[in-house]
Amino acid sequence: MTQLIIARKFSSNLSLVVVPTFLHRNYTAYNDQNDVFALGIGGRAKVSNRIALVADYTLPFRKSSNKKYREDVKADSVIIMH
């Protein structure tokens, strides 16, 4: 995994980060991607001297043809028990 971490502290109460990511997996499921690009974002907002809100999210960019196949496989493998 390779990441470039770009962060900025805007004030003593707010900081943000952007993390472009490249991931290579040698072993994957059938018809899955070995190389995946993703973009992560995050931030920290200080509420008081002892409390801060911290959040992050990573969005993977996948090929739509492979994504459709993986979603179909997951939908077909759902077992409903009565």
C-alpha atoms as a PDB file:
ATOM      1  CA  MET A   1       0.000   0.000   0.000  1.00  0.00           C
ATOM      2  CA  THR A   2       1.286   3.430  -0.927  1.00  0.00           C
ATOM      3  CA  GLN A   3      -0.167   6.608   0.548  1.00  0.00           C
ATOM      4  CA  LEU A   4       0.563  10.300   0.219  1.00  0.00           C
ATOM      5  CA  ILE A   5      -0.672  12.055   3.354  1.00  0.00           C
ATOM      6  CA  ILE A   6      -1.537  15.716   2.835  1.00  0.00           C
ATOM      7  CA  ALA A   7      -2.610  17.457   6.037  1.00  0.00           C
ATOM      8  CA  ARG A   8      -3.229  20.992   7.157  1.00  0.00           C
ATOM      9  CA  LYS A   9      -3.937  22.491  10.540  1.00  0.00           C
ATOM     10  CA  PHE A  10      -6.223  25.449   9.838  1.00  0.00           C
ATOM     11  CA  SER A  11      -6.436  26.570  13.455  1.00  0.00           C
ATOM     12  CA  SER A  12      -5.918  25.168  16.925  1.00  0.00           C
ATOM     13  CA  ASN A  13      -9.471  23.774  16.654  1.00  0.00           C
ATOM     14  CA  LEU A  14      -9.597  22.361  13.096  1.00  0.00           C
ATOM     15  CA  SER A  15      -7.336  20.140  10.999  1.00  0.00           C
ATOM     16  CA  LEU A  16      -8.049  18.216   7.775  1.00  0.00           C
ATOM     17  CA  VAL A  17      -6.259  15.490   5.838  1.00  0.00           C
ATOM     18  CA  VAL A  18      -6.472  14.111   2.275  1.00  0.00           C
ATOM     19  CA  VAL A  19      -4.919  10.700   1.600  1.00  0.00           C
ATOM     20  CA  PRO A  20      -4.664   9.419  -1.985  1.00  0.00           C
ATOM     21  CA  THR A  21      -3.904   5.689  -1.803  1.00  0.00           C
ATOM     22  CA  PHE A  22      -2.725   2.938  -4.159  1.00  0.00           C
ATOM     23  CA  LEU A  23      -3.219  -0.669  -3.041  1.00  0.00           C
ATOM     24  CA  HIS A  24      -1.895  -3.800  -4.785  1.00  0.00           C
ATOM     25  CA  ARG A  25      -3.135  -7.205  -3.657  1.00  0.00           C
ATOM     26  CA  ASN A  26      -1.445 -10.370  -4.910  1.00  0.00           C
ATOM     27  CA  TYR A  27      -4.287 -12.701  -3.937  1.00  0.00           C
ATOM     28  CA  THR A  28      -7.849 -11.667  -4.813  1.00  0.00           C
ATOM     29  CA  ALA A  29     -11.223 -13.286  -5.317  1.00  0.00           C
ATOM     30  CA  TYR A  30     -12.272 -14.322  -8.821  1.00  0.00           C
ATOM     31  CA  ASN A  31     -12.706 -11.347 -11.171  1.00  0.00           C
ATOM     32  CA  ASP A  32     -11.596  -8.850  -8.517  1.00  0.00           C
ATOM     33  CA  GLN A  33      -9.003  -6.139  -9.079  1.00  0.00           C
ATOM     34  CA  ASN A  34      -5.398  -6.520  -7.967  1.00  0.00           C
ATOM     35  CA  ASP A  35      -4.741  -2.760  -8.126  1.00  0.00           C
ATOM     36  CA  VAL A  36      -7.110  -0.349  -6.400  1.00  0.00           C
ATOM     37  CA  PHE A  37      -6.912   3.427  -6.084  1.00  0.00           C
ATOM     38  CA  ALA A  38      -8.694   5.130  -3.185  1.00  0.00           C
ATOM     39  CA  LEU A  39      -9.109   8.596  -1.747  1.00  0.00           C
ATOM     40  CA  GLY A  40      -9.321   9.113   1.991  1.00  0.00           C
ATOM     41  CA  ILE A  41     -10.419  12.285   3.746  1.00  0.00           C
ATOM     42  CA  GLY A  42     -10.465  13.052   7.421  1.00  0.00           C
ATOM     43  CA  GLY A  43     -10.629  15.756   9.981  1.00  0.00           C
ATOM     44  CA  ARG A  44     -10.468  16.715  13.615  1.00  0.00           C
ATOM     45  CA  ALA A  45     -12.559  19.413  15.264  1.00  0.00           C
ATOM     46  CA  LYS A  46     -11.692  20.320  18.825  1.00  0.00           C
ATOM     47  CA  VAL A  47     -14.828  20.819  20.930  1.00  0.00           C
ATOM     48  CA  SER A  48     -13.207  21.497  24.310  1.00  0.00           C
ATOM     49  CA  ASN A  49      -9.875  20.920  26.044  1.00  0.00           C
ATOM     50  CA  ARG A  50     -10.733  17.235  26.508  1.00  0.00           C
ATOM     51  CA  ILE A  51     -13.112  16.457  23.622  1.00  0.00           C
ATOM     52  CA  ALA A  52     -12.567  16.400  19.869  1.00  0.00           C
ATOM     53  CA  LEU A  53     -14.624  15.030  16.998  1.00  0.00           C
ATOM     54  CA  VAL A  54     -12.541  12.870  14.663  1.00  0.00           C
ATOM     55  CA  ALA A  55     -13.865  11.463  11.386  1.00  0.00           C
ATOM     56  CA  ASP A  56     -12.437   9.812   8.291  1.00  0.00           C
ATOM     57  CA  TYR A  57     -13.758   8.159   5.141  1.00  0.00           C
ATOM     58  CA  THR A  58     -12.062   6.233   2.336  1.00  0.00           C
ATOM     59  CA  LEU A  59     -13.636   5.919  -1.101  1.00  0.00           C
ATOM     60  CA  PRO A  60     -12.208   3.133  -3.299  1.00  0.00           C
ATOM     61  CA  PHE A  61     -12.282   3.632  -7.072  1.00  0.00           C
ATOM     62  CA  ARG A  62     -13.099   0.283  -8.688  1.00  0.00           C
ATOM     63  CA  LYS A  63     -13.769  -0.743 -12.262  1.00  0.00           C
ATOM     64  CA  SER A  64     -17.534  -0.807 -12.747  1.00  0.00           C
ATOM     65  CA  SER A  65     -17.503  -4.165 -14.588  1.00  0.00           C
ATOM     66  CA  ASN A  66     -15.793  -5.920 -11.665  1.00  0.00           C
ATOM     67  CA  LYS A  67     -17.950  -4.108  -9.117  1.00  0.00           C
ATOM     68  CA  LYS A  68     -21.150  -5.301 -10.824  1.00  0.00           C
ATOM     69  CA  TYR A  69     -19.906  -8.904 -10.794  1.00  0.00           C
ATOM     70  CA  ARG A  70     -19.017  -8.765  -7.089  1.00  0.00           C
ATOM     71  CA  GLU A  71     -22.423  -7.271  -6.188  1.00  0.00           C
ATOM     72  CA  ASP A  72     -24.220 -10.007  -8.179  1.00  0.00           C
ATOM     73  CA  VAL A  73     -22.260 -12.727  -6.384  1.00  0.00           C
ATOM     74  CA  LYS A  74     -23.082 -11.225  -2.980  1.00  0.00           C
ATOM     75  CA  ALA A  75     -26.783 -10.882  -3.865  1.00  0.00           C
ATOM     76  CA  ASP A  76     -26.988 -14.495  -5.054  1.00  0.00           C
ATOM     77  CA  SER A  77     -25.316 -15.857  -1.919  1.00  0.00           C
ATOM     78  CA  VAL A  78     -27.828 -14.417   0.555  1.00  0.00           C
ATOM     79  CA  ILE A  79     -29.601 -17.144   2.516  1.00  0.00           C
ATOM     80  CA  ILE A  80     -33.019 -16.378   3.967  1.00  0.00           C
ATOM     81  CA  MET A  81     -34.143 -18.534   6.872  1.00  0.00           C
ATOM     82  CA  HIS A  82     -37.747 -18.728   8.080  1.00  0.00           C
END
